[in-house]
């Protein structure tokens, strides 16, 4: 493996796979996190370079522990795995839909991050990138914004989970700052992935969003910490 290592969760497709591809091109040994071993292996074959599969279900404590046990040191963790099972407003979203969304988008990030902290602490320049969403911005949700003008209170479970992820980003950044960590959140924009039908219809290139994640993964020691940035590096309001 290359001296620098990275783990991308949910990396067998979409933005996650593009992030893994770009990190491999930067010379990282990249662990391609995937719940399904076969899909992970196929993604690794497509990515090439120093990519290798890592079976990792961010909602399964045993899977997380087994994956963490395979890494001695980690330089970059990209928490990319996420789901959006419902586009309904809160009054039409069940508590189970909220729980299922938060299990991956929030609790999974906490479980994975905490499990891999020992490996990250062995890096001289540890970086954590949380793939969030501009729809999780409370400012953009309450101020007219052409990107989200038609969403109203829709996708409540997903959007509120990303707002919670943004809060976690700040808290991890504050907690780990003295150890040299840089922890930031990325708003990738609407991309042509299968996360939801609106994103797929938008036609945005996932590779373009991935560039923003890699930029945060490669931050210098004087780079920002605890920030929320668009794929092009522009700060996003909380």
Protein backbone atom coordinates (compact mmCIF):
# COMPACT_ATOMS: atom_id res chain seq x y z
CA UNK A 1 0.00 0.00 0.00
CA UNK A 2 0.97 3.59 -0.55
CA UNK A 3 2.23 5.46 2.51
CA UNK A 4 -0.93 7.59 2.51
CA UNK A 5 -4.19 5.74 3.03
CA UNK A 6 -7.82 6.77 2.68
CA UNK A 7 -11.18 5.17 3.37
CA UNK A 8 -14.32 6.19 1.51
CA UNK A 9 -17.60 4.75 2.77
CA UNK A 10 -20.32 3.92 0.25
CA UNK A 11 -17.66 3.96 -2.46
CA UNK A 12 -18.89 1.25 -4.81
CA UNK A 13 -20.91 3.77 -6.86
CA UNK A 14 -21.79 7.41 -7.41
CA UNK A 15 -19.87 10.23 -5.78
CA UNK A 16 -18.11 7.84 -3.40
CA UNK A 17 -16.56 5.85 -6.23
CA UNK A 18 -15.40 9.03 -7.94
CA UNK A 19 -13.83 10.25 -4.68
CA UNK A 20 -12.00 6.93 -4.35
CA UNK A 21 -10.86 7.16 -7.97
CA UNK A 22 -9.46 10.67 -7.53
CA UNK A 23 -7.71 9.81 -4.26
CA UNK A 24 -6.10 6.80 -5.92
CA UNK A 25 -4.92 9.11 -8.71
CA UNK A 26 -3.36 11.32 -6.02
CA UNK A 27 -1.30 8.35 -4.88
CA UNK A 28 -3.37 7.20 -1.93
CA UNK A 29 -3.92 3.59 -1.05
CA UNK A 30 -7.72 3.74 -1.05
CA UNK A 31 -10.04 1.43 0.82
CA UNK A 32 -13.31 1.24 -1.09
CA UNK A 33 -15.99 0.79 1.57
CA UNK A 34 -19.02 -1.18 0.43
CA UNK A 35 -21.73 -3.19 2.16
CA UNK A 36 -21.66 -5.75 -0.64
CA UNK A 37 -18.33 -7.51 -1.18
CA UNK A 38 -18.98 -8.22 -4.87
CA UNK A 39 -19.88 -4.63 -5.68
CA UNK A 40 -16.84 -3.44 -3.79
CA UNK A 41 -14.54 -5.74 -5.76
CA UNK A 42 -16.02 -4.59 -9.06
CA UNK A 43 -15.55 -0.94 -8.09
CA UNK A 44 -11.92 -1.61 -7.17
CA UNK A 45 -11.32 -3.25 -10.56
CA UNK A 46 -12.70 -0.14 -12.27
CA UNK A 47 -10.74 2.29 -10.08
CA UNK A 48 -7.43 0.47 -10.34
CA UNK A 49 -4.28 1.85 -8.79
CA UNK A 50 -3.80 1.12 -5.10
CA UNK A 51 -7.51 0.63 -4.43
CA UNK A 52 -8.67 -2.33 -2.40
CA UNK A 53 -12.11 -3.43 -1.23
CA UNK A 54 -13.26 -3.16 2.37
CA UNK A 55 -16.57 -4.69 3.41
CA UNK A 56 -18.21 -2.04 5.58
CA UNK A 57 -21.85 -1.59 6.53
CA UNK A 58 -22.02 1.70 8.43
CA UNK A 59 -25.18 0.54 10.23
CA UNK A 60 -23.65 -2.73 11.52
CA UNK A 61 -21.40 -2.47 14.60
CA UNK A 62 -19.77 -5.85 13.89
CA UNK A 63 -18.99 -4.87 10.31
CA UNK A 64 -17.51 -1.56 11.46
CA UNK A 65 -15.35 -3.24 14.10
CA UNK A 66 -14.09 -5.85 11.63
CA UNK A 67 -13.20 -3.18 9.09
CA UNK A 68 -11.46 -0.96 11.65
CA UNK A 69 -9.40 -3.94 12.78
CA UNK A 70 -7.83 -4.17 9.32
CA UNK A 71 -6.29 -0.69 9.32
CA UNK A 72 -3.30 0.30 11.42
CA UNK A 73 -3.11 3.86 10.11
CA UNK A 74 -5.50 6.07 8.18
CA UNK A 75 -4.83 9.53 6.77
CA UNK A 76 -8.21 10.40 5.28
CA UNK A 77 -11.73 9.29 6.18
CA UNK A 78 -14.53 10.30 3.82
CA UNK A 79 -17.96 9.64 5.32
CA UNK A 80 -19.86 9.39 2.07
CA UNK A 81 -22.45 6.64 2.65
CA UNK A 82 -25.95 8.07 2.76
CA UNK A 83 -29.58 7.30 1.96
CA UNK A 84 -32.70 9.27 1.10
CA UNK A 85 -35.64 6.86 1.37
CA UNK A 86 -38.39 9.48 1.40
CA UNK A 87 -39.00 12.86 -0.22
CA UNK A 88 -42.03 13.53 1.96
CA UNK A 89 -42.50 16.49 4.34
CA UNK A 90 -42.31 15.75 8.07
CA UNK A 91 -46.06 15.41 8.56
CA UNK A 92 -46.07 12.63 5.96
CA UNK A 93 -42.86 10.90 7.07
CA UNK A 94 -43.01 8.06 9.56
CA UNK A 95 -40.78 7.88 12.59
CA UNK A 96 -39.31 4.68 11.15
CA UNK A 97 -38.30 6.57 7.98
CA UNK A 98 -36.54 9.14 10.15
CA UNK A 99 -34.82 6.40 12.15
CA UNK A 100 -33.69 4.54 9.04
CA UNK A 101 -32.29 7.70 7.48
CA UNK A 102 -30.49 8.79 10.63
CA UNK A 103 -29.12 5.28 11.15
CA UNK A 104 -26.99 5.69 8.02
CA UNK A 105 -26.56 9.45 7.64
CA UNK A 106 -25.89 10.35 11.28
CA UNK A 107 -25.38 7.39 13.61
CA UNK A 108 -23.34 5.57 10.96
CA UNK A 109 -20.98 8.54 10.69
CA UNK A 110 -20.51 8.61 14.46
CA UNK A 111 -19.89 4.87 14.66
CA UNK A 112 -17.44 4.79 11.74
CA UNK A 113 -15.58 7.94 12.78
CA UNK A 114 -15.14 6.77 16.36
CA UNK A 115 -14.04 3.30 15.26
CA UNK A 116 -11.35 4.67 12.96
CA UNK A 117 -10.09 7.45 15.25
CA UNK A 118 -7.21 5.30 16.59
CA UNK A 119 -5.96 4.74 13.02
CA UNK A 120 -6.44 8.41 12.13
CA UNK A 121 -4.51 9.48 15.21
CA UNK A 122 -1.48 7.64 13.81
CA UNK A 123 -1.47 9.96 10.80
CA UNK A 124 0.64 13.13 10.88
CA UNK A 125 -2.11 14.99 8.98
CA UNK A 126 -5.51 13.38 9.68
CA UNK A 127 -8.44 14.58 7.60
CA UNK A 128 -12.16 13.80 7.86
CA UNK A 129 -14.60 14.81 5.13
CA UNK A 130 -18.32 14.45 5.74
CA UNK A 131 -20.40 14.42 2.56
CA UNK A 132 -23.41 16.50 3.52
CA UNK A 133 -25.91 18.40 1.35
CA UNK A 134 -26.84 21.97 0.64
CA UNK A 135 -30.38 20.94 1.51
CA UNK A 136 -29.15 20.53 5.08
CA UNK A 137 -28.34 24.23 5.29
CA UNK A 138 -30.88 25.87 7.60
CA UNK A 139 -30.02 29.23 6.07
CA UNK A 140 -30.81 28.02 2.57
CA UNK A 141 -33.95 26.30 3.85
CA UNK A 142 -35.28 29.54 5.33
CA UNK A 143 -33.98 32.05 2.78
CA UNK A 144 -35.04 32.14 -0.87
CA UNK A 145 -32.51 30.08 -2.81
CA UNK A 146 -33.06 29.07 -6.43
CA UNK A 147 -31.48 25.65 -5.85
CA UNK A 148 -34.09 24.64 -3.28
CA UNK A 149 -37.05 26.90 -3.97
CA UNK A 150 -39.26 23.99 -5.00
CA UNK A 151 -38.44 21.66 -2.12
CA UNK A 152 -40.44 23.44 0.62
CA UNK A 153 -40.53 21.08 3.57
CA UNK A 154 -39.92 17.99 1.45
CA UNK A 155 -37.32 15.29 2.06
CA UNK A 156 -37.56 16.07 5.76
CA UNK A 157 -35.75 12.97 6.99
CA UNK A 158 -32.83 13.39 4.61
CA UNK A 159 -32.47 17.15 4.99
CA UNK A 160 -32.68 17.13 8.78
CA UNK A 161 -30.15 14.27 8.91
CA UNK A 162 -27.71 16.37 6.92
CA UNK A 163 -28.28 19.33 9.22
CA UNK A 164 -27.42 17.01 12.11
CA UNK A 165 -24.33 15.84 10.23
CA UNK A 166 -23.26 19.46 9.84
CA UNK A 167 -23.53 19.93 13.60
CA UNK A 168 -21.45 16.80 14.17
CA UNK A 169 -18.84 18.15 11.78
CA UNK A 170 -18.43 21.26 13.91
CA UNK A 171 -18.28 19.29 17.16
CA UNK A 172 -15.72 16.78 15.86
CA UNK A 173 -13.67 19.65 14.44
CA UNK A 174 -13.62 21.42 17.79
CA UNK A 175 -12.83 18.25 19.72
CA UNK A 176 -10.00 17.08 17.48
CA UNK A 177 -8.43 20.40 16.48
CA UNK A 178 -5.58 20.23 18.99
CA UNK A 179 -4.56 16.85 17.54
CA UNK A 180 -4.07 18.34 14.08
CA UNK A 181 -7.29 17.06 12.53
CA UNK A 182 -9.16 18.92 9.82
CA UNK A 183 -12.86 18.01 9.82
CA UNK A 184 -15.10 19.60 7.21
CA UNK A 185 -18.42 19.05 5.46
CA UNK A 186 -19.05 19.07 1.72
CA UNK A 187 -22.19 20.11 -0.17
CA UNK A 188 -21.74 18.20 -3.44
CA UNK A 189 -24.73 19.69 -5.26
CA UNK A 190 -27.30 17.77 -7.28
CA UNK A 191 -25.57 14.93 -9.11
CA UNK A 192 -26.54 12.17 -11.51
CA UNK A 193 -26.65 9.39 -8.93
CA UNK A 194 -29.40 7.03 -7.81
CA UNK A 195 -29.80 8.75 -4.42
CA UNK A 196 -33.10 10.22 -5.56
CA UNK A 197 -34.93 10.92 -8.79
CA UNK A 198 -34.45 14.69 -8.65
CA UNK A 199 -30.69 14.33 -8.33
CA UNK A 200 -30.60 11.86 -11.20
CA UNK A 201 -32.60 14.23 -13.39
CA UNK A 202 -30.22 17.10 -12.62
CA UNK A 203 -27.49 15.47 -14.68
CA UNK A 204 -24.59 16.86 -12.63
CA UNK A 205 -21.30 15.00 -12.93
CA UNK A 206 -20.42 13.07 -9.74
CA UNK A 207 -16.72 13.47 -10.58
CA UNK A 208 -17.08 17.25 -10.29
CA UNK A 209 -18.44 16.89 -6.76
CA UNK A 210 -15.69 14.41 -5.92
CA UNK A 211 -13.08 17.05 -6.67
CA UNK A 212 -14.45 19.11 -3.80
CA UNK A 213 -14.12 16.18 -1.39
CA UNK A 214 -10.55 15.53 -2.48
CA UNK A 215 -9.71 19.20 -2.01
CA UNK A 216 -10.82 18.94 1.62
CA UNK A 217 -8.95 15.65 2.02
CA UNK A 218 -5.72 17.31 0.90
CA UNK A 219 -5.99 20.44 3.03
CA UNK A 220 -2.70 21.85 4.32
CA UNK A 221 -2.16 22.19 8.05
CA UNK A 222 -3.25 25.84 7.91
CA UNK A 223 -6.45 24.96 6.06
CA UNK A 224 -9.97 25.44 7.40
CA UNK A 225 -11.42 23.27 10.14
CA UNK A 226 -15.10 22.88 10.99
CA UNK A 227 -16.34 24.41 7.75
CA UNK A 228 -19.11 23.69 5.26
CA UNK A 229 -18.10 24.05 1.63
CA UNK A 230 -19.65 23.65 -1.78
CA UNK A 231 -17.99 21.36 -4.32
CA UNK A 232 -16.22 24.39 -5.83
CA UNK A 233 -14.75 25.51 -2.50
CA UNK A 234 -17.30 28.24 -1.78
CA UNK A 235 -18.40 28.38 1.87
CA UNK A 236 -21.99 27.26 2.44
CA UNK A 237 -24.04 28.93 5.19
CA UNK A 238 -25.12 26.73 8.05
